[in-house]
C-alpha atoms as a PDB file:
ATOM      1  CA  MET A   1     183.425 -36.811 153.221  1.00  0.00           C
ATOM      2  CA  LYS A   2     182.099 -40.302 152.823  1.00  0.00           C
ATOM      3  CA  GLU A   3     178.697 -40.947 151.352  1.00  0.00           C
ATOM      4  CA  TYR A   4     176.637 -43.715 152.991  1.00  0.00           C
ATOM      5  CA  THR A   5     173.739 -45.733 151.555  1.00  0.00           C
ATOM      6  CA  LEU A   6     170.957 -46.805 153.932  1.00  0.00           C
ATOM      7  CA  GLU A   7     172.403 -50.289 153.796  1.00  0.00           C
ATOM      8  CA  GLU A   8     175.778 -49.086 154.872  1.00  0.00           C
ATOM      9  CA  LEU A   9     174.306 -46.931 157.617  1.00  0.00           C
ATOM     10  CA  GLU A  10     172.461 -49.974 159.052  1.00  0.00           C
ATOM     11  CA  GLU A  11     175.956 -51.625 159.742  1.00  0.00           C
ATOM     12  CA  TYR A  12     176.608 -48.898 162.304  1.00  0.00           C
ATOM     13  CA  ASN A  13     173.865 -49.905 164.733  1.00  0.00           C
ATOM     14  CA  GLY A  14     176.151 -50.238 167.758  1.00  0.00           C
ATOM     15  CA  LYS A  15     176.019 -53.984 167.957  1.00  0.00           C
ATOM     16  CA  ASN A  16     179.572 -54.382 166.642  1.00  0.00           C
ATOM     17  CA  GLY A  17     181.075 -51.021 167.563  1.00  0.00           C
ATOM     18  CA  LYS A  18     180.339 -47.650 166.065  1.00  0.00           C
ATOM     19  CA  MET A  19     176.879 -46.023 166.013  1.00  0.00           C
ATOM     20  CA  TYR A  20     175.882 -43.665 163.266  1.00  0.00           C
ATOM     21  CA  VAL A  21     172.573 -41.951 162.546  1.00  0.00           C
ATOM     22  CA  ALA A  22     171.413 -39.804 159.756  1.00  0.00           C
ATOM     23  CA  TYR A  23     169.262 -36.666 159.807  1.00  0.00           C
ATOM     24  CA  GLN A  24     168.380 -34.564 156.760  1.00  0.00           C
ATOM     25  CA  GLY A  25     171.086 -36.026 154.592  1.00  0.00           C
ATOM     26  CA  GLN A  26     173.946 -35.758 157.217  1.00  0.00           C
ATOM     27  CA  VAL A  27     175.490 -38.777 158.896  1.00  0.00           C
ATOM     28  CA  TYR A  28     176.506 -38.270 162.541  1.00  0.00           C
ATOM     29  CA  ASP A  29     178.711 -40.311 164.759  1.00  0.00           C
ATOM     30  CA  VAL A  30     176.895 -40.802 168.124  1.00  0.00           C
ATOM     31  CA  SER A  31     179.258 -43.616 169.346  1.00  0.00           C
ATOM     32  CA  ASP A  32     180.681 -41.661 172.275  1.00  0.00           C
ATOM     33  CA  SER A  33     177.296 -40.490 173.664  1.00  0.00           C
ATOM     34  CA  TYR A  34     175.985 -42.121 176.778  1.00  0.00           C
ATOM     35  CA  LEU A  35     172.539 -41.233 175.411  1.00  0.00           C
ATOM     36  CA  TRP A  36     173.017 -43.882 172.697  1.00  0.00           C
ATOM     37  CA  GLU A  37     174.266 -46.733 174.926  1.00  0.00           C
ATOM     38  CA  GLY A  38     173.323 -50.146 173.570  1.00  0.00           C
ATOM     39  CA  GLY A  39     172.536 -48.823 170.092  1.00  0.00           C
ATOM     40  CA  ALA A  40     169.292 -46.889 170.961  1.00  0.00           C
ATOM     41  CA  HIS A  41     168.506 -43.368 172.112  1.00  0.00           C
ATOM     42  CA  GLN A  42     166.362 -43.635 175.245  1.00  0.00           C
ATOM     43  CA  GLY A  43     165.099 -46.978 173.970  1.00  0.00           C
ATOM     44  CA  LEU A  44     163.132 -45.307 171.224  1.00  0.00           C
ATOM     45  CA  HIS A  45     165.374 -44.471 168.294  1.00  0.00           C
ATOM     46  CA  ASP A  46     167.767 -47.052 166.864  1.00  0.00           C
ATOM     47  CA  ALA A  47     171.338 -46.330 165.684  1.00  0.00           C
ATOM     48  CA  GLY A  48     172.105 -47.191 162.091  1.00  0.00           C
ATOM     49  CA  LYS A  49     169.039 -45.474 160.785  1.00  0.00           C
ATOM     50  CA  ASP A  50     167.886 -42.288 159.073  1.00  0.00           C
ATOM     51  CA  LEU A  51     166.019 -40.371 161.865  1.00  0.00           C
ATOM     52  CA  THR A  52     164.655 -37.523 159.735  1.00  0.00           C
ATOM     53  CA  GLU A  53     161.023 -38.532 160.023  1.00  0.00           C
ATOM     54  CA  GLU A  54     161.323 -39.807 163.649  1.00  0.00           C
ATOM     55  CA  MET A  55     162.490 -36.370 164.786  1.00  0.00           C
ATOM     56  CA  ASP A  56     158.956 -35.067 164.327  1.00  0.00           C
ATOM     57  CA  GLU A  57     157.961 -37.084 167.384  1.00  0.00           C
ATOM     58  CA  ALA A  58     161.019 -36.274 169.478  1.00  0.00           C
ATOM     59  CA  PRO A  59     160.662 -33.994 172.579  1.00  0.00           C
ATOM     60  CA  HIS A  60     163.565 -31.944 171.236  1.00  0.00           C
ATOM     61  CA  GLY A  61     164.534 -30.377 167.962  1.00  0.00           C
ATOM     62  CA  PRO A  62     167.319 -31.154 165.581  1.00  0.00           C
ATOM     63  CA  GLU A  63     169.673 -28.766 167.445  1.00  0.00           C
ATOM     64  CA  VAL A  64     170.821 -31.859 169.504  1.00  0.00           C
ATOM     65  CA  PHE A  65     172.801 -32.998 166.359  1.00  0.00           C
ATOM     66  CA  LYS A  66     175.216 -30.087 166.798  1.00  0.00           C
ATOM     67  CA  ASP A  67     176.872 -32.004 169.636  1.00  0.00           C
ATOM     68  CA  TYR A  68     177.879 -34.870 167.281  1.00  0.00           C
ATOM     69  CA  PRO A  69     180.448 -34.908 164.500  1.00  0.00           C
ATOM     70  CA  VAL A  70     179.248 -35.087 160.952  1.00  0.00           C
ATOM     71  CA  ILE A  71     181.205 -37.940 159.380  1.00  0.00           C
ATOM     72  CA  GLY A  72     179.369 -38.122 155.921  1.00  0.00           C
ATOM     73  CA  THR A  73     176.286 -37.688 153.946  1.00  0.00           C
ATOM     74  CA  LEU A  74     173.347 -40.096 153.143  1.00  0.00           C
ATOM     75  CA  LYS A  75     173.117 -41.197 149.582  1.00  0.00           C
ATOM     76  CA  GLU A  76     169.595 -40.820 148.202  1.00  0.00           C
END
């Protein structure tokens, strides 16, 4: 499984194709989700970022990530 740095993750912001997000060290591909159209989830959370801290403010829990494939890990 590929290991991504934060800089590499930022390249997958949806502006040029794929959209990836990280949560608790796992990198998820959210590219096929209508919830992430335009590179942002509900206009609040941007693709290409580590969302670990932002999830504390989300109206749902991390269980939502089970719907997306894990494609790598986030390098510390």
